[in-house]
N, C-alpha and C. Protein backbone atom coordinates (compact mmCIF):
# COMPACT_ATOMS: atom_id res chain seq x y z
N MET A 1 -174.74 119.63 -22.18
CA MET A 1 -173.85 120.72 -22.52
C MET A 1 -172.42 120.29 -22.15
N ASP A 2 -171.48 120.48 -23.06
CA ASP A 2 -170.10 120.08 -22.79
C ASP A 2 -169.38 121.13 -21.95
N LEU A 3 -168.18 120.77 -21.50
CA LEU A 3 -167.43 121.65 -20.60
C LEU A 3 -167.10 122.99 -21.24
N LEU A 4 -166.78 123.00 -22.52
CA LEU A 4 -166.47 124.24 -23.23
C LEU A 4 -167.66 125.20 -23.16
N GLU A 5 -168.84 124.70 -23.46
CA GLU A 5 -170.04 125.54 -23.43
C GLU A 5 -170.39 125.98 -22.02
N ARG A 6 -170.24 125.08 -21.05
CA ARG A 6 -170.53 125.45 -19.67
C ARG A 6 -169.58 126.54 -19.20
N PHE A 7 -168.30 126.46 -19.59
CA PHE A 7 -167.32 127.48 -19.23
C PHE A 7 -167.76 128.83 -19.79
N LYS A 8 -168.18 128.84 -21.05
CA LYS A 8 -168.62 130.08 -21.70
C LYS A 8 -169.82 130.68 -20.99
N VAL A 9 -170.76 129.84 -20.58
CA VAL A 9 -171.96 130.33 -19.89
C VAL A 9 -171.59 130.99 -18.56
N ARG A 10 -170.67 130.37 -17.84
CA ARG A 10 -170.31 130.89 -16.51
C ARG A 10 -169.41 132.12 -16.56
N THR A 11 -168.61 132.24 -17.61
CA THR A 11 -167.62 133.32 -17.63
C THR A 11 -167.83 134.36 -18.73
N GLU A 12 -168.60 134.04 -19.75
CA GLU A 12 -168.79 134.87 -20.93
C GLU A 12 -167.51 134.99 -21.76
N GLU A 13 -166.52 134.15 -21.48
CA GLU A 13 -165.28 134.11 -22.28
C GLU A 13 -165.60 133.44 -23.63
N THR A 14 -165.03 133.96 -24.71
CA THR A 14 -165.31 133.41 -26.03
C THR A 14 -164.09 132.81 -26.72
N ASN A 15 -162.91 132.94 -26.13
CA ASN A 15 -161.68 132.43 -26.73
C ASN A 15 -161.58 130.92 -26.49
N ASN A 16 -161.98 130.13 -27.49
CA ASN A 16 -161.99 128.68 -27.35
C ASN A 16 -160.61 128.11 -27.02
N GLU A 17 -159.57 128.66 -27.63
CA GLU A 17 -158.22 128.16 -27.40
C GLU A 17 -157.82 128.33 -25.94
N LEU A 18 -158.12 129.48 -25.37
CA LEU A 18 -157.83 129.74 -23.96
C LEU A 18 -158.63 128.79 -23.07
N ILE A 19 -159.92 128.66 -23.34
CA ILE A 19 -160.77 127.80 -22.52
C ILE A 19 -160.29 126.36 -22.57
N LEU A 20 -159.99 125.85 -23.76
CA LEU A 20 -159.52 124.47 -23.89
C LEU A 20 -158.20 124.27 -23.17
N ASP A 21 -157.33 125.27 -23.19
CA ASP A 21 -156.06 125.17 -22.47
C ASP A 21 -156.29 125.11 -20.96
N LEU A 22 -157.20 125.93 -20.46
CA LEU A 22 -157.52 125.92 -19.03
C LEU A 22 -158.16 124.59 -18.62
N LEU A 23 -159.04 124.06 -19.46
CA LEU A 23 -159.66 122.76 -19.18
C LEU A 23 -158.61 121.65 -19.18
N GLU A 24 -157.63 121.75 -20.07
CA GLU A 24 -156.54 120.75 -20.10
C GLU A 24 -155.69 120.85 -18.84
N SER A 25 -155.39 122.06 -18.40
CA SER A 25 -154.62 122.24 -17.16
C SER A 25 -155.39 121.67 -15.97
N ALA A 26 -156.68 121.92 -15.94
CA ALA A 26 -157.52 121.38 -14.86
C ALA A 26 -157.53 119.85 -14.91
N LYS A 27 -157.63 119.31 -16.10
CA LYS A 27 -157.60 117.85 -16.27
C LYS A 27 -156.30 117.28 -15.73
N GLN A 28 -155.18 117.88 -16.08
CA GLN A 28 -153.88 117.38 -15.63
C GLN A 28 -153.73 117.49 -14.11
N ALA A 29 -154.28 118.54 -13.51
CA ALA A 29 -154.24 118.68 -12.06
C ALA A 29 -155.04 117.57 -11.39
N ILE A 30 -156.19 117.25 -11.94
CA ILE A 30 -157.01 116.17 -11.40
C ILE A 30 -156.30 114.84 -11.55
N LEU A 31 -155.74 114.58 -12.73
CA LEU A 31 -155.05 113.31 -12.97
C LEU A 31 -153.83 113.15 -12.07
N ALA A 32 -153.10 114.24 -11.84
CA ALA A 32 -151.92 114.18 -10.97
C ALA A 32 -152.33 113.81 -9.55
N ARG A 33 -153.48 114.28 -9.10
CA ARG A 33 -153.95 113.96 -7.75
C ARG A 33 -154.60 112.58 -7.72
N ARG A 34 -155.37 112.25 -8.74
CA ARG A 34 -156.11 110.98 -8.78
C ARG A 34 -155.17 109.79 -8.97
N TYR A 35 -154.21 109.95 -9.87
CA TYR A 35 -153.28 108.86 -10.20
C TYR A 35 -151.84 109.35 -9.96
N PRO A 36 -151.41 109.43 -8.71
CA PRO A 36 -150.10 110.01 -8.42
C PRO A 36 -148.93 109.27 -9.08
N PHE A 37 -149.14 108.03 -9.45
CA PHE A 37 -148.08 107.27 -10.11
C PHE A 37 -148.41 107.02 -11.58
N GLY A 38 -149.40 107.74 -12.10
CA GLY A 38 -149.78 107.59 -13.50
C GLY A 38 -148.91 108.44 -14.40
N ASP A 39 -149.19 108.35 -15.69
CA ASP A 39 -148.39 109.11 -16.65
C ASP A 39 -149.16 110.29 -17.26
N GLY A 40 -150.37 110.55 -16.76
CA GLY A 40 -151.15 111.68 -17.25
C GLY A 40 -152.00 111.38 -18.47
N SER A 41 -151.95 110.15 -18.94
CA SER A 41 -152.73 109.79 -20.12
C SER A 41 -154.07 109.15 -19.76
N GLU A 42 -154.31 108.94 -18.47
CA GLU A 42 -155.56 108.34 -18.03
C GLU A 42 -156.72 109.29 -18.31
N PRO A 43 -157.90 108.76 -18.57
CA PRO A 43 -159.06 109.64 -18.75
C PRO A 43 -159.53 110.18 -17.40
N VAL A 44 -160.10 111.37 -17.41
CA VAL A 44 -160.69 111.92 -16.19
C VAL A 44 -162.01 111.19 -15.95
N PRO A 45 -162.18 110.57 -14.78
CA PRO A 45 -163.46 109.91 -14.50
C PRO A 45 -164.61 110.90 -14.61
N ASP A 46 -165.74 110.43 -15.11
CA ASP A 46 -166.92 111.28 -15.31
C ASP A 46 -167.31 112.04 -14.05
N ARG A 47 -167.10 111.43 -12.89
CA ARG A 47 -167.51 112.08 -11.64
C ARG A 47 -166.74 113.37 -11.37
N TYR A 48 -165.62 113.60 -12.09
CA TYR A 48 -164.82 114.80 -11.88
C TYR A 48 -165.01 115.85 -12.97
N ALA A 49 -166.00 115.68 -13.85
CA ALA A 49 -166.23 116.64 -14.93
C ALA A 49 -166.56 118.03 -14.37
N ASP A 50 -167.44 118.09 -13.39
CA ASP A 50 -167.80 119.40 -12.83
C ASP A 50 -166.61 120.01 -12.10
N LEU A 51 -165.83 119.19 -11.42
CA LEU A 51 -164.63 119.68 -10.75
C LEU A 51 -163.63 120.22 -11.77
N GLN A 52 -163.49 119.55 -12.90
CA GLN A 52 -162.60 120.03 -13.95
C GLN A 52 -163.02 121.43 -14.40
N LEU A 53 -164.31 121.62 -14.57
CA LEU A 53 -164.83 122.93 -14.95
C LEU A 53 -164.54 123.97 -13.87
N ARG A 54 -164.79 123.64 -12.61
CA ARG A 54 -164.56 124.59 -11.53
C ARG A 54 -163.08 124.95 -11.37
N ILE A 55 -162.19 123.97 -11.56
CA ILE A 55 -160.76 124.26 -11.50
C ILE A 55 -160.36 125.17 -12.65
N ALA A 56 -160.88 124.89 -13.85
CA ALA A 56 -160.56 125.73 -15.01
C ALA A 56 -161.03 127.16 -14.79
N ILE A 57 -162.20 127.33 -14.22
CA ILE A 57 -162.72 128.68 -13.94
C ILE A 57 -161.87 129.34 -12.86
N ASP A 58 -161.45 128.58 -11.87
CA ASP A 58 -160.58 129.12 -10.82
C ASP A 58 -159.27 129.61 -11.44
N LEU A 59 -158.69 128.84 -12.35
CA LEU A 59 -157.47 129.26 -13.04
C LEU A 59 -157.72 130.51 -13.87
N TYR A 60 -158.86 130.56 -14.52
CA TYR A 60 -159.25 131.73 -15.33
C TYR A 60 -159.36 132.98 -14.46
N ASP A 61 -160.00 132.82 -13.31
CA ASP A 61 -160.19 133.96 -12.40
C ASP A 61 -158.88 134.49 -11.85
N ARG A 62 -157.87 133.64 -11.78
CA ARG A 62 -156.57 134.05 -11.24
C ARG A 62 -155.64 134.62 -12.31
N MET A 63 -156.03 134.58 -13.56
CA MET A 63 -155.16 135.08 -14.63
C MET A 63 -154.81 136.54 -14.38
N GLY A 64 -153.55 136.84 -14.53
CA GLY A 64 -153.08 138.20 -14.30
C GLY A 64 -152.68 138.44 -12.86
N ALA A 65 -153.01 137.51 -11.99
CA ALA A 65 -152.65 137.65 -10.58
C ALA A 65 -152.15 136.31 -10.04
N GLU A 66 -151.52 135.52 -10.90
CA GLU A 66 -151.06 134.20 -10.51
C GLU A 66 -150.17 134.27 -9.28
N GLY A 67 -150.43 133.39 -8.33
CA GLY A 67 -149.61 133.30 -7.13
C GLY A 67 -149.77 134.44 -6.15
N GLN A 68 -150.75 135.28 -6.38
CA GLN A 68 -150.95 136.45 -5.54
C GLN A 68 -151.02 136.04 -4.07
N LEU A 69 -150.24 136.69 -3.23
CA LEU A 69 -150.24 136.36 -1.81
C LEU A 69 -151.15 137.27 -1.01
N SER A 70 -151.35 138.49 -1.48
CA SER A 70 -152.24 139.39 -0.78
C SER A 70 -152.60 140.54 -1.71
N HIS A 71 -153.82 141.01 -1.57
CA HIS A 71 -154.28 142.14 -2.38
C HIS A 71 -155.53 142.71 -1.71
N SER A 72 -155.55 143.98 -1.49
CA SER A 72 -156.72 144.64 -0.92
C SER A 72 -157.05 145.86 -1.75
N GLU A 73 -158.32 145.97 -2.11
CA GLU A 73 -158.75 147.12 -2.90
C GLU A 73 -160.26 147.30 -2.74
N ASN A 74 -160.68 148.47 -2.36
CA ASN A 74 -162.10 148.79 -2.19
C ASN A 74 -162.83 147.76 -1.34
N GLY A 75 -162.22 147.33 -0.27
CA GLY A 75 -162.87 146.39 0.63
C GLY A 75 -162.80 144.94 0.19
N VAL A 76 -162.15 144.66 -0.93
CA VAL A 76 -161.98 143.28 -1.40
C VAL A 76 -160.59 142.81 -1.02
N ASN A 77 -160.52 141.69 -0.34
CA ASN A 77 -159.23 141.13 0.07
C ASN A 77 -159.01 139.80 -0.62
N ARG A 78 -157.83 139.62 -1.21
CA ARG A 78 -157.48 138.37 -1.87
C ARG A 78 -156.13 137.90 -1.32
N SER A 79 -155.98 136.61 -1.22
CA SER A 79 -154.70 136.05 -0.79
C SER A 79 -154.67 134.59 -1.18
N TRP A 80 -153.68 134.19 -1.94
CA TRP A 80 -153.48 132.78 -2.25
C TRP A 80 -152.04 132.54 -2.61
N ALA A 81 -151.57 131.35 -2.35
CA ALA A 81 -150.20 130.99 -2.69
C ALA A 81 -150.13 129.58 -3.23
N ASP A 82 -151.28 128.90 -3.33
CA ASP A 82 -151.29 127.56 -3.89
C ASP A 82 -150.68 127.57 -5.28
N ALA A 83 -150.00 126.51 -5.61
CA ALA A 83 -149.33 126.42 -6.90
C ALA A 83 -150.35 126.32 -8.02
N SER A 84 -150.98 127.40 -8.35
CA SER A 84 -151.92 127.59 -9.45
C SER A 84 -153.30 127.00 -9.25
N VAL A 85 -153.44 125.89 -8.55
CA VAL A 85 -154.75 125.28 -8.35
C VAL A 85 -155.08 125.25 -6.87
N SER A 86 -156.28 125.68 -6.54
CA SER A 86 -156.72 125.71 -5.16
C SER A 86 -156.70 124.31 -4.54
N GLN A 87 -156.03 124.19 -3.42
CA GLN A 87 -155.98 122.90 -2.72
C GLN A 87 -157.37 122.50 -2.22
N ASP A 88 -158.24 123.48 -1.95
CA ASP A 88 -159.61 123.16 -1.54
C ASP A 88 -160.33 122.39 -2.64
N LEU A 89 -160.11 122.77 -3.89
CA LEU A 89 -160.72 122.04 -5.00
C LEU A 89 -160.09 120.67 -5.17
N LEU A 90 -158.78 120.60 -5.08
CA LEU A 90 -158.10 119.32 -5.28
C LEU A 90 -158.41 118.30 -4.18
N LYS A 91 -158.84 118.78 -3.01
CA LYS A 91 -159.21 117.86 -1.93
C LYS A 91 -160.39 116.99 -2.32
N GLU A 92 -161.15 117.38 -3.34
CA GLU A 92 -162.29 116.60 -3.79
C GLU A 92 -161.89 115.36 -4.58
N VAL A 93 -160.63 115.29 -4.99
CA VAL A 93 -160.15 114.16 -5.78
C VAL A 93 -159.65 113.07 -4.85
N VAL A 94 -160.17 111.86 -5.05
CA VAL A 94 -159.75 110.71 -4.26
C VAL A 94 -158.62 110.01 -4.99
N PRO A 95 -157.41 109.98 -4.40
CA PRO A 95 -156.28 109.33 -5.07
C PRO A 95 -156.48 107.83 -5.23
N MET A 96 -156.00 107.30 -6.33
CA MET A 96 -156.00 105.87 -6.59
C MET A 96 -154.56 105.40 -6.46
N THR A 97 -154.36 104.30 -5.80
CA THR A 97 -153.02 103.76 -5.69
C THR A 97 -153.03 102.31 -6.16
N GLY A 98 -151.89 101.85 -6.52
CA GLY A 98 -151.76 100.46 -6.96
C GLY A 98 -150.89 99.69 -5.99
N THR A 99 -150.64 98.45 -6.33
CA THR A 99 -149.78 97.63 -5.51
C THR A 99 -148.45 97.43 -6.21
N ILE A 100 -147.44 97.22 -5.43
CA ILE A 100 -146.11 96.96 -5.98
C ILE A 100 -146.02 95.47 -6.31
N LYS A 101 -145.58 95.18 -7.51
CA LYS A 101 -145.49 93.77 -7.92
C LYS A 101 -144.07 93.28 -7.86
C-alpha cells in the first residue's frame, strides 16, 4: 500500500491534493534534517517512508491550529510551538554529512 492510501486509511481524508501536499511537506522536512547541506532533490530513503507518513498525519492533525501554544477544552490539553513539524518525529532522522574538499 502506498503512502497516499495509508494516509487515507488512517485519517479517512479523501482530498488527494491535500494529502500529497502534506506528504511533500513531510518529505522536505525529512530531507532538510537528513541532508542539511543538500538541495532538497535527494530521494527520501526507504527507511523513512513510515516517518514521512507520520509527519504528514501530524501536520494534518495540526491544521487549523498551527503553532498552537496552549489549548484546553473538556479536559483535553494541547500545547506546541515547534515550527510545524514535531521535533520528536524529526529526532528519528539521522543526519548525513559530507567532507569539505
